[in-house]
Full PDB file with SEQRES, HELIX, SHEET, SSBOND, CRYST1, ORIGX, SCALE, CONECT and MASTER records, all heavy atoms in Angstrom:
SEQRES   1 A   32  GLU GLY SER GLY TRP ALA ALA LEU ALA ILE HIS PRO CYS          
SEQRES   2 A   32  VAL GLY ARG PRO LEU ILE MET GLN ILE GLU LYS HIS ASN          
SEQRES   3 A   32  VAL ASN VAL PHE PRO THR                                      
SHEET    1 AA1 2 GLY A   4  ILE A  10  0                                        
SHEET    2 AA1 2 PRO A  17  GLU A  23 -1                                        
CRYST1    1.000    1.000    1.000  90.00  90.00  90.00 P 1           1          
ORIGX1      1.000000  0.000000  0.000000        0.00000                         
ORIGX2      0.000000  1.000000  0.000000        0.00000                         
ORIGX3      0.000000  0.000000  1.000000        0.00000                         
SCALE1      1.000000  0.000000  0.000000        0.00000                         
SCALE2      0.000000  1.000000  0.000000        0.00000                         
SCALE3      0.000000  0.000000  1.000000        0.00000                         
ATOM      1  N   GLU A   1      17.883 -14.601   8.310  1.00  0.00           N  
ATOM      2  CA  GLU A   1      19.199 -14.855   7.826  1.00  0.00           C  
ATOM      3  C   GLU A   1      19.288 -15.044   6.342  1.00  0.00           C  
ATOM      4  O   GLU A   1      18.532 -15.781   5.739  1.00  0.00           O  
ATOM      5  CB  GLU A   1      19.751 -16.101   8.534  1.00  0.00           C  
ATOM      6  CG  GLU A   1      20.000 -15.938  10.029  1.00  0.00           C  
ATOM      7  CD  GLU A   1      20.671 -17.196  10.623  1.00  0.00           C  
ATOM      8  OE1 GLU A   1      21.060 -18.122   9.910  1.00  0.00           O  
ATOM      9  OE2 GLU A   1      20.809 -17.202  11.909  1.00  0.00           O  
ATOM     10  N   GLY A   2      20.165 -14.209   5.734  1.00  0.00           N  
ATOM     11  CA  GLY A   2      20.411 -14.319   4.238  1.00  0.00           C  
ATOM     12  C   GLY A   2      19.251 -13.868   3.527  1.00  0.00           C  
ATOM     13  O   GLY A   2      18.548 -12.834   3.813  1.00  0.00           O  
ATOM     14  N   SER A   3      18.690 -14.655   2.554  1.00  0.00           N  
ATOM     15  CA  SER A   3      17.601 -14.305   1.768  1.00  0.00           C  
ATOM     16  C   SER A   3      16.292 -15.089   2.338  1.00  0.00           C  
ATOM     17  O   SER A   3      16.402 -16.275   2.677  1.00  0.00           O  
ATOM     18  CB  SER A   3      17.792 -14.747   0.290  1.00  0.00           C  
ATOM     19  OG  SER A   3      18.887 -14.034  -0.233  1.00  0.00           O  
ATOM     20  N   GLY A   4      15.202 -14.404   2.347  1.00  0.00           N  
ATOM     21  CA  GLY A   4      14.026 -15.037   2.902  1.00  0.00           C  
ATOM     22  C   GLY A   4      12.850 -14.083   3.079  1.00  0.00           C  
ATOM     23  O   GLY A   4      12.731 -13.126   2.299  1.00  0.00           O  
ATOM     24  N   TRP A   5      11.949 -14.478   3.958  1.00  0.00           N  
ATOM     25  CA  TRP A   5      10.715 -13.784   4.157  1.00  0.00           C  
ATOM     26  C   TRP A   5      10.304 -13.681   5.585  1.00  0.00           C  
ATOM     27  O   TRP A   5      10.777 -14.533   6.454  1.00  0.00           O  
ATOM     28  CB  TRP A   5       9.567 -14.645   3.474  1.00  0.00           C  
ATOM     29  CG  TRP A   5       9.796 -14.834   2.004  1.00  0.00           C  
ATOM     30  CD1 TRP A   5      10.632 -15.681   1.468  1.00  0.00           C  
ATOM     31  CD2 TRP A   5       9.106 -14.206   0.946  1.00  0.00           C  
ATOM     32  NE1 TRP A   5      10.572 -15.647   0.107  1.00  0.00           N  
ATOM     33  CE2 TRP A   5       9.577 -14.801  -0.237  1.00  0.00           C  
ATOM     34  CE3 TRP A   5       8.063 -13.217   0.868  1.00  0.00           C  
ATOM     35  CZ2 TRP A   5       9.149 -14.311  -1.505  1.00  0.00           C  
ATOM     36  CZ3 TRP A   5       7.594 -12.805  -0.358  1.00  0.00           C  
ATOM     37  CH2 TRP A   5       8.155 -13.395  -1.562  1.00  0.00           C  
ATOM     38  N   ALA A   6       9.463 -12.683   5.936  1.00  0.00           N  
ATOM     39  CA  ALA A   6       8.725 -12.676   7.204  1.00  0.00           C  
ATOM     40  C   ALA A   6       7.337 -12.899   6.834  1.00  0.00           C  
ATOM     41  O   ALA A   6       6.783 -12.409   5.797  1.00  0.00           O  
ATOM     42  CB  ALA A   6       8.872 -11.327   7.935  1.00  0.00           C  
ATOM     43  N   ALA A   7       6.560 -13.670   7.621  1.00  0.00           N  
ATOM     44  CA  ALA A   7       5.219 -14.036   7.303  1.00  0.00           C  
ATOM     45  C   ALA A   7       4.368 -14.077   8.568  1.00  0.00           C  
ATOM     46  O   ALA A   7       4.849 -14.435   9.620  1.00  0.00           O  
ATOM     47  CB  ALA A   7       5.113 -15.381   6.591  1.00  0.00           C  
ATOM     48  N   LEU A   8       3.102 -13.599   8.397  1.00  0.00           N  
ATOM     49  CA  LEU A   8       2.113 -13.795   9.411  1.00  0.00           C  
ATOM     50  C   LEU A   8       1.199 -15.026   9.008  1.00  0.00           C  
ATOM     51  O   LEU A   8       0.726 -15.062   7.870  1.00  0.00           O  
ATOM     52  CB  LEU A   8       1.197 -12.629   9.520  1.00  0.00           C  
ATOM     53  CG  LEU A   8       0.088 -12.632  10.585  1.00  0.00           C  
ATOM     54  CD1 LEU A   8       0.630 -12.823  11.935  1.00  0.00           C  
ATOM     55  CD2 LEU A   8      -0.848 -11.472  10.442  1.00  0.00           C  
ATOM     56  N   ALA A   9       1.098 -16.027   9.861  1.00  0.00           N  
ATOM     57  CA  ALA A   9       0.452 -17.263   9.480  1.00  0.00           C  
ATOM     58  C   ALA A   9      -0.478 -17.714  10.778  1.00  0.00           C  
ATOM     59  O   ALA A   9      -0.347 -17.273  11.821  1.00  0.00           O  
ATOM     60  CB  ALA A   9       1.408 -18.357   9.263  1.00  0.00           C  
ATOM     61  N   ILE A  10      -1.387 -18.546  10.355  1.00  0.00           N  
ATOM     62  CA  ILE A  10      -2.391 -18.967  11.296  1.00  0.00           C  
ATOM     63  C   ILE A  10      -2.813 -20.351  10.936  1.00  0.00           C  
ATOM     64  O   ILE A  10      -2.853 -20.797   9.800  1.00  0.00           O  
ATOM     65  CB  ILE A  10      -3.565 -18.054  11.478  1.00  0.00           C  
ATOM     66  CG1 ILE A  10      -4.403 -18.368  12.744  1.00  0.00           C  
ATOM     67  CG2 ILE A  10      -4.410 -18.123  10.253  1.00  0.00           C  
ATOM     68  CD1 ILE A  10      -5.483 -17.243  12.990  1.00  0.00           C  
ATOM     69  N   HIS A  11      -3.167 -21.247  11.955  1.00  0.00           N  
ATOM     70  CA  HIS A  11      -3.757 -22.514  11.685  1.00  0.00           C  
ATOM     71  C   HIS A  11      -5.025 -22.637  12.531  1.00  0.00           C  
ATOM     72  O   HIS A  11      -5.092 -22.304  13.717  1.00  0.00           O  
ATOM     73  CB  HIS A  11      -2.744 -23.605  12.048  1.00  0.00           C  
ATOM     74  CG  HIS A  11      -3.075 -25.004  11.548  1.00  0.00           C  
ATOM     75  ND1 HIS A  11      -4.108 -25.757  12.162  1.00  0.00           N  
ATOM     76  CD2 HIS A  11      -2.641 -25.736  10.539  1.00  0.00           C  
ATOM     77  CE1 HIS A  11      -4.204 -26.941  11.486  1.00  0.00           C  
ATOM     78  NE2 HIS A  11      -3.348 -26.884  10.473  1.00  0.00           N  
ATOM     79  N   PRO A  12      -6.085 -23.168  11.918  1.00  0.00           N  
ATOM     80  CA  PRO A  12      -7.368 -23.246  12.638  1.00  0.00           C  
ATOM     81  C   PRO A  12      -7.315 -24.183  13.924  1.00  0.00           C  
ATOM     82  O   PRO A  12      -8.057 -23.979  14.860  1.00  0.00           O  
ATOM     83  CB  PRO A  12      -8.382 -23.925  11.632  1.00  0.00           C  
ATOM     84  CG  PRO A  12      -7.439 -24.541  10.604  1.00  0.00           C  
ATOM     85  CD  PRO A  12      -6.261 -23.680  10.553  1.00  0.00           C  
ATOM     86  N   CYS A  13      -6.414 -25.178  13.931  1.00  0.00           N  
ATOM     87  CA  CYS A  13      -6.365 -26.019  15.138  1.00  0.00           C  
ATOM     88  C   CYS A  13      -5.764 -25.282  16.307  1.00  0.00           C  
ATOM     89  O   CYS A  13      -6.039 -25.643  17.440  1.00  0.00           O  
ATOM     90  CB  CYS A  13      -5.583 -27.333  14.817  1.00  0.00           C  
ATOM     91  SG  CYS A  13      -3.874 -27.077  14.856  1.00  0.00           S  
ATOM     92  N   VAL A  14      -5.037 -24.209  16.122  1.00  0.00           N  
ATOM     93  CA  VAL A  14      -4.449 -23.420  17.161  1.00  0.00           C  
ATOM     94  C   VAL A  14      -5.222 -22.107  17.327  1.00  0.00           C  
ATOM     95  O   VAL A  14      -5.479 -21.686  18.473  1.00  0.00           O  
ATOM     96  CB  VAL A  14      -2.959 -23.097  16.872  1.00  0.00           C  
ATOM     97  CG1 VAL A  14      -2.387 -22.220  17.957  1.00  0.00           C  
ATOM     98  CG2 VAL A  14      -2.117 -24.387  16.673  1.00  0.00           C  
ATOM     99  N   GLY A  15      -5.649 -21.476  16.267  1.00  0.00           N  
ATOM    100  CA  GLY A  15      -6.475 -20.298  16.297  1.00  0.00           C  
ATOM    101  C   GLY A  15      -5.715 -19.106  16.740  1.00  0.00           C  
ATOM    102  O   GLY A  15      -6.338 -18.119  17.273  1.00  0.00           O  
ATOM    103  N   ARG A  16      -4.420 -19.068  16.559  1.00  0.00           N  
ATOM    104  CA  ARG A  16      -3.684 -17.897  16.973  1.00  0.00           C  
ATOM    105  C   ARG A  16      -2.669 -17.493  15.819  1.00  0.00           C  
ATOM    106  O   ARG A  16      -2.030 -18.401  15.192  1.00  0.00           O  
ATOM    107  CB  ARG A  16      -2.979 -18.085  18.239  1.00  0.00           C  
ATOM    108  CG  ARG A  16      -1.986 -19.364  18.220  1.00  0.00           C  
ATOM    109  CD  ARG A  16      -1.333 -19.595  19.631  1.00  0.00           C  
ATOM    110  NE  ARG A  16      -0.525 -18.573  20.143  1.00  0.00           N  
ATOM    111  CZ  ARG A  16       0.094 -18.574  21.287  1.00  0.00           C  
ATOM    112  NH1 ARG A  16      -0.096 -19.658  22.084  1.00  0.00           N  
ATOM    113  NH2 ARG A  16       0.840 -17.548  21.676  1.00  0.00           N  
ATOM    114  N   PRO A  17      -2.478 -16.229  15.629  1.00  0.00           N  
ATOM    115  CA  PRO A  17      -1.530 -15.800  14.577  1.00  0.00           C  
ATOM    116  C   PRO A  17      -0.127 -15.951  15.040  1.00  0.00           C  
ATOM    117  O   PRO A  17       0.159 -15.623  16.239  1.00  0.00           O  
ATOM    118  CB  PRO A  17      -1.921 -14.413  14.338  1.00  0.00           C  
ATOM    119  CG  PRO A  17      -2.366 -13.920  15.691  1.00  0.00           C  
ATOM    120  CD  PRO A  17      -3.167 -15.069  16.300  1.00  0.00           C  
ATOM    121  N   LEU A  18       0.782 -16.447  14.217  1.00  0.00           N  
ATOM    122  CA  LEU A  18       2.191 -16.602  14.566  1.00  0.00           C  
ATOM    123  C   LEU A  18       3.040 -16.006  13.438  1.00  0.00           C  
ATOM    124  O   LEU A  18       2.673 -15.984  12.258  1.00  0.00           O  
ATOM    125  CB  LEU A  18       2.531 -18.066  14.711  1.00  0.00           C  
ATOM    126  CG  LEU A  18       1.900 -18.801  15.868  1.00  0.00           C  
ATOM    127  CD1 LEU A  18       2.117 -20.304  15.816  1.00  0.00           C  
ATOM    128  CD2 LEU A  18       2.315 -18.326  17.165  1.00  0.00           C  
ATOM    129  N   ILE A  19       4.136 -15.425  13.808  1.00  0.00           N  
ATOM    130  CA  ILE A  19       5.157 -14.894  12.881  1.00  0.00           C  
ATOM    131  C   ILE A  19       6.135 -15.932  12.499  1.00  0.00           C  
ATOM    132  O   ILE A  19       6.629 -16.645  13.342  1.00  0.00           O  
ATOM    133  CB  ILE A  19       5.838 -13.622  13.520  1.00  0.00           C  
ATOM    134  CG1 ILE A  19       4.867 -12.529  13.724  1.00  0.00           C  
ATOM    135  CG2 ILE A  19       6.939 -13.194  12.564  1.00  0.00           C  
ATOM    136  CD1 ILE A  19       5.338 -11.386  14.448  1.00  0.00           C  
ATOM    137  N   MET A  20       6.345 -16.099  11.194  1.00  0.00           N  
ATOM    138  CA  MET A  20       7.357 -17.039  10.696  1.00  0.00           C  
ATOM    139  C   MET A  20       8.514 -16.305  10.034  1.00  0.00           C  
ATOM    140  O   MET A  20       8.262 -15.265   9.382  1.00  0.00           O  
ATOM    141  CB  MET A  20       6.811 -17.955   9.572  1.00  0.00           C  
ATOM    142  CG  MET A  20       5.859 -19.040  10.062  1.00  0.00           C  
ATOM    143  SD  MET A  20       5.537 -20.244   8.745  1.00  0.00           S  
ATOM    144  CE  MET A  20       4.605 -19.310   7.518  1.00  0.00           C  
ATOM    145  N   GLN A  21       9.746 -16.750  10.246  1.00  0.00           N  
ATOM    146  CA  GLN A  21      10.844 -16.376   9.452  1.00  0.00           C  
ATOM    147  C   GLN A  21      11.099 -17.512   8.461  1.00  0.00           C  
ATOM    148  O   GLN A  21      11.344 -18.640   8.897  1.00  0.00           O  
ATOM    149  CB  GLN A  21      12.084 -16.227  10.324  1.00  0.00           C  
ATOM    150  CG  GLN A  21      12.207 -14.905  11.140  1.00  0.00           C  
ATOM    151  CD  GLN A  21      13.481 -14.710  11.844  1.00  0.00           C  
ATOM    152  OE1 GLN A  21      13.987 -15.744  12.405  1.00  0.00           O  
ATOM    153  NE2 GLN A  21      14.115 -13.578  11.858  1.00  0.00           N  
ATOM    154  N   ILE A  22      10.986 -17.193   7.253  1.00  0.00           N  
ATOM    155  CA  ILE A  22      11.157 -18.174   6.154  1.00  0.00           C  
ATOM    156  C   ILE A  22      12.511 -17.964   5.557  1.00  0.00           C  
ATOM    157  O   ILE A  22      12.692 -16.981   4.855  1.00  0.00           O  
ATOM    158  CB  ILE A  22      10.075 -18.193   5.112  1.00  0.00           C  
ATOM    159  CG1 ILE A  22       8.707 -18.226   5.794  1.00  0.00           C  
ATOM    160  CG2 ILE A  22      10.293 -19.312   4.058  1.00  0.00           C  
ATOM    161  CD1 ILE A  22       7.541 -18.100   4.854  1.00  0.00           C  
ATOM    162  N   GLU A  23      13.456 -18.868   5.691  1.00  0.00           N  
ATOM    163  CA  GLU A  23      14.784 -18.785   4.974  1.00  0.00           C  
ATOM    164  C   GLU A  23      14.570 -19.321   3.486  1.00  0.00           C  
ATOM    165  O   GLU A  23      13.911 -20.336   3.375  1.00  0.00           O  
ATOM    166  CB  GLU A  23      15.813 -19.519   5.673  1.00  0.00           C  
ATOM    167  CG  GLU A  23      16.165 -18.885   7.080  1.00  0.00           C  
ATOM    168  CD  GLU A  23      17.264 -19.707   7.772  1.00  0.00           C  
ATOM    169  OE1 GLU A  23      17.855 -20.677   7.210  1.00  0.00           O  
ATOM    170  OE2 GLU A  23      17.390 -19.522   9.017  1.00  0.00           O  
ATOM    171  N   LYS A  24      15.166 -18.632   2.575  1.00  0.00           N  
ATOM    172  CA  LYS A  24      14.928 -18.965   1.163  1.00  0.00           C  
ATOM    173  C   LYS A  24      13.387 -18.874   0.880  1.00  0.00           C  
ATOM    174  O   LYS A  24      12.822 -17.890   1.112  1.00  0.00           O  
ATOM    175  CB  LYS A  24      15.519 -20.327   0.806  1.00  0.00           C  
ATOM    176  CG  LYS A  24      17.045 -20.319   1.011  1.00  0.00           C  
ATOM    177  CD  LYS A  24      17.611 -21.624   0.575  1.00  0.00           C  
ATOM    178  CE  LYS A  24      19.243 -21.663   0.841  1.00  0.00           C  
ATOM    179  NZ  LYS A  24      19.821 -22.926   0.403  1.00  0.00           N  
ATOM    180  N   HIS A  25      12.818 -20.022   0.412  1.00  0.00           N  
ATOM    181  CA  HIS A  25      11.434 -19.949   0.219  1.00  0.00           C  
ATOM    182  C   HIS A  25      10.662 -21.116   0.997  1.00  0.00           C  
ATOM    183  O   HIS A  25       9.406 -21.152   0.902  1.00  0.00           O  
ATOM    184  CB  HIS A  25      11.033 -20.204  -1.280  1.00  0.00           C  
ATOM    185  CG  HIS A  25      11.634 -19.219  -2.137  1.00  0.00           C  
ATOM    186  ND1 HIS A  25      11.464 -17.773  -2.025  1.00  0.00           N  
ATOM    187  CD2 HIS A  25      12.377 -19.276  -3.286  1.00  0.00           C  
ATOM    188  CE1 HIS A  25      12.063 -17.164  -2.991  1.00  0.00           C  
ATOM    189  NE2 HIS A  25      12.682 -17.971  -3.785  1.00  0.00           N  
ATOM    190  N   ASN A  26      11.464 -21.909   1.623  1.00  0.00           N  
ATOM    191  CA  ASN A  26      10.748 -23.106   2.141  1.00  0.00           C  
ATOM    192  C   ASN A  26      11.420 -23.702   3.371  1.00  0.00           C  
ATOM    193  O   ASN A  26      11.108 -24.878   3.822  1.00  0.00           O  
ATOM    194  CB  ASN A  26      10.753 -24.219   1.078  1.00  0.00           C  
ATOM    195  CG  ASN A  26      12.092 -24.424   0.444  1.00  0.00           C  
ATOM    196  OD1 ASN A  26      13.114 -23.844   0.925  1.00  0.00           O  
ATOM    197  ND2 ASN A  26      12.155 -25.240  -0.536  1.00  0.00           N  
ATOM    198  N   VAL A  27      12.282 -22.898   4.062  1.00  0.00           N  
ATOM    199  CA  VAL A  27      12.967 -23.446   5.345  1.00  0.00           C  
ATOM    200  C   VAL A  27      12.361 -22.703   6.492  1.00  0.00           C  
ATOM    201  O   VAL A  27      12.139 -21.453   6.503  1.00  0.00           O  
ATOM    202  CB  VAL A  27      14.448 -23.193   5.211  1.00  0.00           C  
ATOM    203  CG1 VAL A  27      15.172 -23.752   6.496  1.00  0.00           C  
ATOM    204  CG2 VAL A  27      15.080 -23.867   3.986  1.00  0.00           C  
ATOM    205  N   ASN A  28      12.110 -23.364   7.585  1.00  0.00           N  
ATOM    206  CA  ASN A  28      11.551 -22.855   8.827  1.00  0.00           C  
ATOM    207  C   ASN A  28      10.097 -22.493   8.750  1.00  0.00           C  
ATOM    208  O   ASN A  28       9.627 -21.700   9.552  1.00  0.00           O  
ATOM    209  CB  ASN A  28      12.317 -21.625   9.308  1.00  0.00           C  
ATOM    210  CG  ASN A  28      13.802 -21.913   9.648  1.00  0.00           C  
ATOM    211  OD1 ASN A  28      14.168 -23.066   9.772  1.00  0.00           O  
ATOM    212  ND2 ASN A  28      14.550 -20.864   9.813  1.00  0.00           N  
ATOM    213  N   VAL A  29       9.322 -23.103   7.834  1.00  0.00           N  
ATOM    214  CA  VAL A  29       7.973 -22.871   7.705  1.00  0.00           C  
ATOM    215  C   VAL A  29       7.172 -23.729   8.702  1.00  0.00           C  
ATOM    216  O   VAL A  29       7.671 -24.769   9.232  1.00  0.00           O  
ATOM    217  CB  VAL A  29       7.429 -23.137   6.290  1.00  0.00           C  
ATOM    218  CG1 VAL A  29       8.098 -22.283   5.316  1.00  0.00           C  
ATOM    219  CG2 VAL A  29       7.519 -24.576   5.971  1.00  0.00           C  
ATOM    220  N   PHE A  30       5.958 -23.332   9.029  1.00  0.00           N  
ATOM    221  CA  PHE A  30       5.019 -24.119   9.871  1.00  0.00           C  
ATOM    222  C   PHE A  30       4.138 -24.885   8.903  1.00  0.00           C  
ATOM    223  O   PHE A  30       3.273 -24.249   8.235  1.00  0.00           O  
ATOM    224  CB  PHE A  30       4.149 -23.265  10.690  1.00  0.00           C  
ATOM    225  CG  PHE A  30       4.927 -22.297  11.710  1.00  0.00           C  
ATOM    226  CD1 PHE A  30       4.373 -21.092  11.965  1.00  0.00           C  
ATOM    227  CD2 PHE A  30       6.085 -22.663  12.182  1.00  0.00           C  
ATOM    228  CE1 PHE A  30       5.014 -20.188  12.735  1.00  0.00           C  
ATOM    229  CE2 PHE A  30       6.825 -21.855  13.058  1.00  0.00           C  
ATOM    230  CZ  PHE A  30       6.334 -20.513  13.311  1.00  0.00           C  
ATOM    231  N   PRO A  31       4.361 -26.195   8.649  1.00  0.00           N  
ATOM    232  CA  PRO A  31       3.564 -26.939   7.656  1.00  0.00           C  
ATOM    233  C   PRO A  31       2.095 -26.824   7.934  1.00  0.00           C  
ATOM    234  O   PRO A  31       1.612 -26.956   9.027  1.00  0.00           O  
ATOM    235  CB  PRO A  31       4.024 -28.366   7.866  1.00  0.00           C  
ATOM    236  CG  PRO A  31       5.408 -28.257   8.473  1.00  0.00           C  
ATOM    237  CD  PRO A  31       5.321 -27.041   9.344  1.00  0.00           C  
ATOM    238  N   THR A  32       1.358 -26.578   6.833  1.00  0.00           N  
ATOM    239  CA  THR A  32      -0.162 -26.531   6.748  1.00  0.00           C  
ATOM    240  C   THR A  32      -0.745 -25.259   7.355  1.00  0.00           C  
ATOM    241  O   THR A  32      -1.887 -25.074   7.391  1.00  0.00           O  
ATOM    242  CB  THR A  32      -0.794 -27.775   7.358  1.00  0.00           C  
ATOM    243  OG1 THR A  32      -0.912 -27.659   8.802  1.00  0.00           O  
ATOM    244  CG2 THR A  32      -0.251 -29.045   6.918  1.00  0.00           C  
TER     245      THR A  32                                                      
MASTER        0    0    0    0    2    0    0    6  244    1    0    3          
END                                                                             
């Protein structure tokens, strides 16, 4: 929505890649 990013991210405690939609630069992110 609006301005933002698509991102591929991963966390070692989960060990699986997930897609993020980031609104602006810092909304809807998966912390760490």
